[in-house]
Amino acid sequence: MVDHLANTEINSQRIAAVENCFGASGQPLALPGRVLLGEGILTKECRKKPKPRIFFLLNDILVYGSIITNKRKYNSQHIIPLEDVTLETLPDTLQMKNRWLIKTSKKSFVVSAASLTERKEWISHLEECIKHLLTKTGRQPCREPAAPWIPDKATDICMRCTQTKFSTLTRRHHCRTTEWLHLSLYTKRRHTCTFCCLQTCLMSALKSKVTNWLGH
């Protein structure tokens, strides 16, 4: 069905319409063999609070962005190669129901659908596209996905020392490696906490020693 639609005029028009919705801020999406399979609004778990985002599923990428108006005007376009995606269903919370985790090597995040049926449909279509791409390319699924972003309201206490409470003066920071919320004193370079920096340095030193040992 996908191959049959790939070079049709209606598919080209649908992809062009998506490009127009993002305007000049978006990237071109039309490519030979690319097919727009569906679209919908999902709730994405963001730093401050869950927010609605528009999602477009194509046979090789997942595109999403912020909604400016309901008259199909979007910005902040993000493009995720489906080859890099793995999925994980999550239990409901008081704030979000019908949740699942979209995991990639660069960024992982939680989304939720309006109903359980809608979640099943999204996951089913995504998994079908991912399976087809991995079979076609011979690649392996992503084995080291990025840690999902932890919302600010997830905890009022530093996740490193587990004692100090956040406040106006004691601000929270996100570690870009673990996404844990911690005190500013634990932040080192590029928003990565000192613990992760130390671990990276130790692993690098160990790798260097092993390489030198094997070279002798």
C-alpha atoms as a PDB file:
ATOM      1  CA  MET A   1       0.000   0.000   0.000  1.00  0.00           C
ATOM      2  CA  VAL A   2       2.826   2.402   0.896  1.00  0.00           C
ATOM      3  CA  ASP A   3       4.771   1.644  -2.286  1.00  0.00           C
ATOM      4  CA  HIS A   4       1.608   2.126  -4.315  1.00  0.00           C
ATOM      5  CA  LEU A   5       1.126   5.647  -2.885  1.00  0.00           C
ATOM      6  CA  ALA A   6       4.766   6.724  -3.107  1.00  0.00           C
ATOM      7  CA  ASN A   7       4.667   8.461  -6.482  1.00  0.00           C
ATOM      8  CA  THR A   8       1.030   9.516  -6.625  1.00  0.00           C
ATOM      9  CA  GLU A   9      -0.145  13.097  -7.037  1.00  0.00           C
ATOM     10  CA  ILE A  10      -2.346  12.956  -3.942  1.00  0.00           C
ATOM     11  CA  ASN A  11       0.612  11.938  -1.765  1.00  0.00           C
ATOM     12  CA  SER A  12       2.739  14.772  -3.187  1.00  0.00           C
ATOM     13  CA  GLN A  13      -0.044  17.244  -2.454  1.00  0.00           C
ATOM     14  CA  ARG A  14      -0.454  16.016   1.127  1.00  0.00           C
ATOM     15  CA  ILE A  15       3.272  16.327   1.869  1.00  0.00           C
ATOM     16  CA  ALA A  16       3.351  19.780   0.247  1.00  0.00           C
ATOM     17  CA  ALA A  17       0.453  20.816   2.495  1.00  0.00           C
ATOM     18  CA  VAL A  18       2.450  19.767   5.573  1.00  0.00           C
ATOM     19  CA  GLU A  19       5.450  21.773   4.352  1.00  0.00           C
ATOM     20  CA  ASN A  20       3.203  24.824   3.903  1.00  0.00           C
ATOM     21  CA  CYS A  21       1.884  24.450   7.463  1.00  0.00           C
ATOM     22  CA  PHE A  22       5.405  24.933   8.832  1.00  0.00           C
ATOM     23  CA  GLY A  23       6.236  27.710   6.361  1.00  0.00           C
ATOM     24  CA  ALA A  24       9.782  28.978   5.905  1.00  0.00           C
ATOM     25  CA  SER A  25      10.839  27.727   9.353  1.00  0.00           C
ATOM     26  CA  GLY A  26      10.333  24.085   8.352  1.00  0.00           C
ATOM     27  CA  GLN A  27      12.531  21.785   6.307  1.00  0.00           C
ATOM     28  CA  PRO A  28      11.516  20.286   2.930  1.00  0.00           C
ATOM     29  CA  LEU A  29       9.883  16.895   3.419  1.00  0.00           C
ATOM     30  CA  ALA A  30       9.263  15.652  -0.120  1.00  0.00           C
ATOM     31  CA  LEU A  31      11.590  12.835  -1.192  1.00  0.00           C
ATOM     32  CA  PRO A  32      11.233  10.023  -3.749  1.00  0.00           C
ATOM     33  CA  GLY A  33       9.499   7.075  -2.102  1.00  0.00           C
ATOM     34  CA  ARG A  34       8.364   9.040   0.961  1.00  0.00           C
ATOM     35  CA  VAL A  35       4.696   8.655   1.916  1.00  0.00           C
ATOM     36  CA  LEU A  36       2.567  10.556   4.420  1.00  0.00           C
ATOM     37  CA  LEU A  37       0.665   7.909   6.377  1.00  0.00           C
ATOM     38  CA  GLY A  38      -1.208   9.930   8.961  1.00  0.00           C
ATOM     39  CA  GLU A  39      -1.315  12.825  11.375  1.00  0.00           C
ATOM     40  CA  GLY A  40      -2.794  13.775  14.710  1.00  0.00           C
ATOM     41  CA  ILE A  41      -2.465  15.825  17.868  1.00  0.00           C
ATOM     42  CA  LEU A  42      -0.722  14.182  20.814  1.00  0.00           C
ATOM     43  CA  THR A  43       0.102  15.596  24.227  1.00  0.00           C
ATOM     44  CA  LYS A  44       3.846  15.828  24.803  1.00  0.00           C
ATOM     45  CA  GLU A  45       5.326  15.914  28.292  1.00  0.00           C
ATOM     46  CA  CYS A  46       7.376  19.124  28.434  1.00  0.00           C
ATOM     47  CA  ARG A  47       9.495  20.793  31.089  1.00  0.00           C
ATOM     48  CA  LYS A  48       6.806  22.977  32.658  1.00  0.00           C
ATOM     49  CA  LYS A  49       3.631  21.090  31.770  1.00  0.00           C
ATOM     50  CA  PRO A  50       2.169  18.751  29.108  1.00  0.00           C
ATOM     51  CA  LYS A  51       1.457  20.544  25.824  1.00  0.00           C
ATOM     52  CA  PRO A  52      -0.388  19.594  22.614  1.00  0.00           C
ATOM     53  CA  ARG A  53       1.845  18.954  19.603  1.00  0.00           C
ATOM     54  CA  ILE A  54       1.024  18.099  15.999  1.00  0.00           C
ATOM     55  CA  PHE A  55       2.571  14.844  14.749  1.00  0.00           C
ATOM     56  CA  PHE A  56       2.948  13.593  11.179  1.00  0.00           C
ATOM     57  CA  LEU A  57       3.881   9.982  10.483  1.00  0.00           C
ATOM     58  CA  LEU A  58       5.689   9.308   7.224  1.00  0.00           C
ATOM     59  CA  ASN A  59       7.055   5.937   6.191  1.00  0.00           C
ATOM     60  CA  ASP A  60      10.631   6.834   7.203  1.00  0.00           C
ATOM     61  CA  ILE A  61      10.378   9.804   9.587  1.00  0.00           C
ATOM     62  CA  LEU A  62       8.248  11.197  12.401  1.00  0.00           C
ATOM     63  CA  VAL A  63       7.668  14.959  12.231  1.00  0.00           C
ATOM     64  CA  TYR A  64       6.226  17.071  15.028  1.00  0.00           C
ATOM     65  CA  GLY A  65       5.907  20.713  15.954  1.00  0.00           C
ATOM     66  CA  SER A  66       4.200  23.351  18.064  1.00  0.00           C
ATOM     67  CA  ILE A  67       0.691  24.500  17.197  1.00  0.00           C
ATOM     68  CA  ILE A  68       0.419  28.245  16.502  1.00  0.00           C
ATOM     69  CA  THR A  69      -3.233  28.262  15.449  1.00  0.00           C
ATOM     70  CA  ASN A  70      -5.839  25.597  14.777  1.00  0.00           C
ATOM     71  CA  LYS A  71      -5.867  26.739  11.145  1.00  0.00           C
ATOM     72  CA  ARG A  72      -2.894  24.481  10.407  1.00  0.00           C
ATOM     73  CA  LYS A  73      -0.064  26.836  11.307  1.00  0.00           C
ATOM     74  CA  TYR A  74       2.876  25.186  13.070  1.00  0.00           C
ATOM     75  CA  ASN A  75       6.483  25.947  14.033  1.00  0.00           C
ATOM     76  CA  SER A  76       9.431  24.417  15.938  1.00  0.00           C
ATOM     77  CA  GLN A  77       9.597  21.518  13.498  1.00  0.00           C
ATOM     78  CA  HIS A  78      11.396  18.363  14.636  1.00  0.00           C
ATOM     79  CA  ILE A  79      12.246  15.437  12.354  1.00  0.00           C
ATOM     80  CA  ILE A  80      13.047  12.004  13.796  1.00  0.00           C
ATOM     81  CA  PRO A  81      14.339   9.144  11.584  1.00  0.00           C
ATOM     82  CA  LEU A  82      12.204   6.101  12.359  1.00  0.00           C
ATOM     83  CA  GLU A  83      15.239   3.813  12.130  1.00  0.00           C
ATOM     84  CA  ASP A  84      16.416   5.374  15.397  1.00  0.00           C
ATOM     85  CA  VAL A  85      13.093   4.979  17.239  1.00  0.00           C
ATOM     86  CA  THR A  86      12.044   2.427  19.828  1.00  0.00           C
ATOM     87  CA  LEU A  87       8.765   2.541  21.751  1.00  0.00           C
ATOM     88  CA  GLU A  88       7.666   1.688  25.271  1.00  0.00           C
ATOM     89  CA  THR A  89       4.144   1.828  26.700  1.00  0.00           C
ATOM     90  CA  LEU A  90       3.808   3.539  30.078  1.00  0.00           C
ATOM     91  CA  PRO A  91       1.221   3.401  32.875  1.00  0.00           C
ATOM     92  CA  ASP A  92      -1.272   6.236  33.305  1.00  0.00           C
ATOM     93  CA  THR A  93      -0.674   9.100  35.715  1.00  0.00           C
ATOM     94  CA  LEU A  94      -3.115  11.604  37.202  1.00  0.00           C
ATOM     95  CA  GLN A  95      -2.028  14.199  34.634  1.00  0.00           C
ATOM     96  CA  MET A  96      -1.625  12.027  31.524  1.00  0.00           C
ATOM     97  CA  LYS A  97      -3.327   8.862  30.300  1.00  0.00           C
ATOM     98  CA  ASN A  98      -2.651   6.538  27.345  1.00  0.00           C
ATOM     99  CA  ARG A  99       1.056   7.317  27.543  1.00  0.00           C
ATOM    100  CA  TRP A 100       4.040   5.880  25.727  1.00  0.00           C
ATOM    101  CA  LEU A 101       7.720   6.686  25.440  1.00  0.00           C
ATOM    102  CA  ILE A 102       9.360   7.562  22.129  1.00  0.00           C
ATOM    103  CA  LYS A 103      13.057   6.737  22.505  1.00  0.00           C
ATOM    104  CA  THR A 104      15.920   7.750  20.206  1.00  0.00           C
ATOM    105  CA  SER A 105      19.686   7.996  20.611  1.00  0.00           C
ATOM    106  CA  LYS A 106      19.530  11.812  20.801  1.00  0.00           C
ATOM    107  CA  LYS A 107      16.239  12.534  22.538  1.00  0.00           C
ATOM    108  CA  SER A 108      13.499  10.597  24.307  1.00  0.00           C
ATOM    109  CA  PHE A 109      10.133  11.948  25.395  1.00  0.00           C
ATOM    110  CA  VAL A 110       6.699  10.928  26.653  1.00  0.00           C
ATOM    111  CA  VAL A 111       3.488  11.471  24.684  1.00  0.00           C
ATOM    112  CA  SER A 112      -0.129  10.580  25.339  1.00  0.00           C
ATOM    113  CA  ALA A 113      -3.153  10.030  23.111  1.00  0.00           C
ATOM    114  CA  ALA A 114      -6.772  11.035  23.625  1.00  0.00           C
ATOM    115  CA  SER A 115      -7.859   7.399  23.944  1.00  0.00           C
ATOM    116  CA  LEU A 116      -6.453   3.916  24.387  1.00  0.00           C
ATOM    117  CA  THR A 117      -7.549   3.017  20.850  1.00  0.00           C
ATOM    118  CA  GLU A 118      -5.681   5.984  19.416  1.00  0.00           C
ATOM    119  CA  ARG A 119      -2.538   4.993  21.306  1.00  0.00           C
ATOM    120  CA  LYS A 120      -2.752   1.446  19.960  1.00  0.00           C
ATOM    121  CA  GLU A 121      -3.137   2.744  16.403  1.00  0.00           C
ATOM    122  CA  TRP A 122      -0.172   5.105  16.682  1.00  0.00           C
ATOM    123  CA  ILE A 123       2.080   2.431  18.166  1.00  0.00           C
ATOM    124  CA  SER A 124       0.954  -0.164  15.625  1.00  0.00           C
ATOM    125  CA  HIS A 125       1.679   2.093  12.638  1.00  0.00           C
ATOM    126  CA  LEU A 126       4.997   3.259  14.096  1.00  0.00           C
ATOM    127  CA  GLU A 127       6.190  -0.274  14.816  1.00  0.00           C
ATOM    128  CA  GLU A 128       5.196  -1.433  11.335  1.00  0.00           C
ATOM    129  CA  CYS A 129       7.204   1.378   9.700  1.00  0.00           C
ATOM    130  CA  ILE A 130      10.196   0.809  11.986  1.00  0.00           C
ATOM    131  CA  LYS A 131      10.215  -2.937  11.312  1.00  0.00           C
ATOM    132  CA  HIS A 132      10.041  -2.366   7.553  1.00  0.00           C
ATOM    133  CA  LEU A 133      12.932   0.135   7.626  1.00  0.00           C
ATOM    134  CA  LEU A 134      15.177  -2.035   9.806  1.00  0.00           C
ATOM    135  CA  THR A 135      14.537  -5.028   7.557  1.00  0.00           C
ATOM    136  CA  LYS A 136      15.278  -2.942   4.487  1.00  0.00           C
ATOM    137  CA  THR A 137      18.496  -1.383   5.807  1.00  0.00           C
ATOM    138  CA  GLY A 138      19.750  -4.259   7.956  1.00  0.00           C
ATOM    139  CA  ARG A 139      20.268  -1.920  10.900  1.00  0.00           C
ATOM    140  CA  GLN A 140      19.753  -2.872  14.531  1.00  0.00           C
ATOM    141  CA  PRO A 141      17.288  -1.061  16.827  1.00  0.00           C
ATOM    142  CA  CYS A 142      18.657   1.746  18.988  1.00  0.00           C
ATOM    143  CA  ARG A 143      20.273   0.073  22.022  1.00  0.00           C
ATOM    144  CA  GLU A 144      21.330   3.173  23.973  1.00  0.00           C
ATOM    145  CA  PRO A 145      18.444   5.665  23.879  1.00  0.00           C
ATOM    146  CA  ALA A 146      18.743   9.061  25.501  1.00  0.00           C
ATOM    147  CA  ALA A 147      17.197   9.500  28.932  1.00  0.00           C
ATOM    148  CA  PRO A 148      13.697  11.023  28.823  1.00  0.00           C
ATOM    149  CA  TRP A 149      13.230  14.585  30.036  1.00  0.00           C
ATOM    150  CA  ILE A 150      12.004  14.804  33.638  1.00  0.00           C
ATOM    151  CA  PRO A 151       9.447  17.626  34.151  1.00  0.00           C
ATOM    152  CA  ASP A 152      10.227  20.303  36.733  1.00  0.00           C
ATOM    153  CA  LYS A 153       7.214  19.313  38.828  1.00  0.00           C
ATOM    154  CA  ALA A 154       8.313  15.684  39.054  1.00  0.00           C
ATOM    155  CA  THR A 155      10.235  16.389  42.265  1.00  0.00           C
ATOM    156  CA  ASP A 156      10.866  19.242  44.714  1.00  0.00           C
ATOM    157  CA  ILE A 157      14.103  17.685  45.980  1.00  0.00           C
ATOM    158  CA  CYS A 158      17.531  17.380  44.359  1.00  0.00           C
ATOM    159  CA  MET A 159      17.764  13.922  42.786  1.00  0.00           C
ATOM    160  CA  ARG A 160      21.504  13.746  43.527  1.00  0.00           C
ATOM    161  CA  CYS A 161      21.726  14.526  47.247  1.00  0.00           C
ATOM    162  CA  THR A 162      18.023  13.596  47.844  1.00  0.00           C
ATOM    163  CA  GLN A 163      17.887  16.147  50.674  1.00  0.00           C
ATOM    164  CA  THR A 164      17.908  19.769  49.508  1.00  0.00           C
ATOM    165  CA  LYS A 165      14.591  21.252  48.390  1.00  0.00           C
ATOM    166  CA  PHE A 166      14.402  23.507  45.352  1.00  0.00           C
ATOM    167  CA  SER A 167      13.351  27.129  45.849  1.00  0.00           C
ATOM    168  CA  THR A 168      13.648  30.562  44.253  1.00  0.00           C
ATOM    169  CA  LEU A 169      17.247  30.778  45.462  1.00  0.00           C
ATOM    170  CA  THR A 170      18.063  27.081  45.146  1.00  0.00           C
ATOM    171  CA  ARG A 171      17.233  26.501  41.501  1.00  0.00           C
ATOM    172  CA  ARG A 172      16.872  23.183  39.712  1.00  0.00           C
ATOM    173  CA  HIS A 173      18.988  22.165  36.715  1.00  0.00           C
ATOM    174  CA  HIS A 174      18.714  19.269  34.264  1.00  0.00           C
ATOM    175  CA  CYS A 175      21.627  16.951  33.579  1.00  0.00           C
ATOM    176  CA  ARG A 176      21.670  16.432  29.801  1.00  0.00           C
ATOM    177  CA  THR A 177      22.966  12.877  30.248  1.00  0.00           C
ATOM    178  CA  THR A 178      20.563  11.448  32.831  1.00  0.00           C
ATOM    179  CA  GLU A 179      17.938  14.262  32.706  1.00  0.00           C
ATOM    180  CA  TRP A 180      17.889  14.207  36.517  1.00  0.00           C
ATOM    181  CA  LEU A 181      16.886  17.368  38.355  1.00  0.00           C
ATOM    182  CA  HIS A 182      19.730  18.543  40.573  1.00  0.00           C
ATOM    183  CA  LEU A 183      21.247  21.582  42.276  1.00  0.00           C
ATOM    184  CA  SER A 184      23.297  24.068  40.265  1.00  0.00           C
ATOM    185  CA  LEU A 185      26.431  23.158  42.238  1.00  0.00           C
ATOM    186  CA  TYR A 186      26.392  19.748  40.544  1.00  0.00           C
ATOM    187  CA  THR A 187      26.410  21.311  37.072  1.00  0.00           C
ATOM    188  CA  LYS A 188      29.722  21.262  35.245  1.00  0.00           C
ATOM    189  CA  ARG A 189      30.106  21.641  31.478  1.00  0.00           C
ATOM    190  CA  ARG A 190      27.323  21.796  28.890  1.00  0.00           C
ATOM    191  CA  HIS A 191      24.658  21.284  31.552  1.00  0.00           C
ATOM    192  CA  THR A 192      26.074  17.865  32.422  1.00  0.00           C
ATOM    193  CA  CYS A 193      26.368  17.098  36.134  1.00  0.00           C
ATOM    194  CA  THR A 194      29.743  16.479  37.760  1.00  0.00           C
ATOM    195  CA  PHE A 195      28.922  12.811  38.369  1.00  0.00           C
ATOM    196  CA  CYS A 196      28.359  12.134  34.657  1.00  0.00           C
ATOM    197  CA  CYS A 197      31.432  14.184  33.712  1.00  0.00           C
ATOM    198  CA  LEU A 198      33.556  12.151  36.136  1.00  0.00           C
ATOM    199  CA  GLN A 199      32.135   8.888  34.826  1.00  0.00           C
ATOM    200  CA  THR A 200      32.865   9.946  31.235  1.00  0.00           C
ATOM    201  CA  CYS A 201      36.455  10.879  32.117  1.00  0.00           C
ATOM    202  CA  LEU A 202      37.022   7.586  33.951  1.00  0.00           C
ATOM    203  CA  MET A 203      35.627   5.546  31.061  1.00  0.00           C
ATOM    204  CA  SER A 204      37.767   7.501  28.587  1.00  0.00           C
ATOM    205  CA  ALA A 205      40.896   6.914  30.680  1.00  0.00           C
ATOM    206  CA  LEU A 206      40.097   3.208  31.043  1.00  0.00           C
ATOM    207  CA  LYS A 207      39.512   2.865  27.297  1.00  0.00           C
ATOM    208  CA  SER A 208      42.831   4.598  26.600  1.00  0.00           C
ATOM    209  CA  LYS A 209      44.688   2.235  28.952  1.00  0.00           C
ATOM    210  CA  VAL A 210      43.098  -0.847  27.387  1.00  0.00           C
ATOM    211  CA  THR A 211      43.967   0.422  23.897  1.00  0.00           C
ATOM    212  CA  ASN A 212      47.590   1.041  24.916  1.00  0.00           C
ATOM    213  CA  TRP A 213      47.810  -2.379  26.575  1.00  0.00           C
ATOM    214  CA  LEU A 214      46.468  -4.139  23.473  1.00  0.00           C
ATOM    215  CA  GLY A 215      48.947  -2.219  21.339  1.00  0.00           C
ATOM    216  CA  HIS A 216      51.952  -3.733  23.145  1.00  0.00           C
END
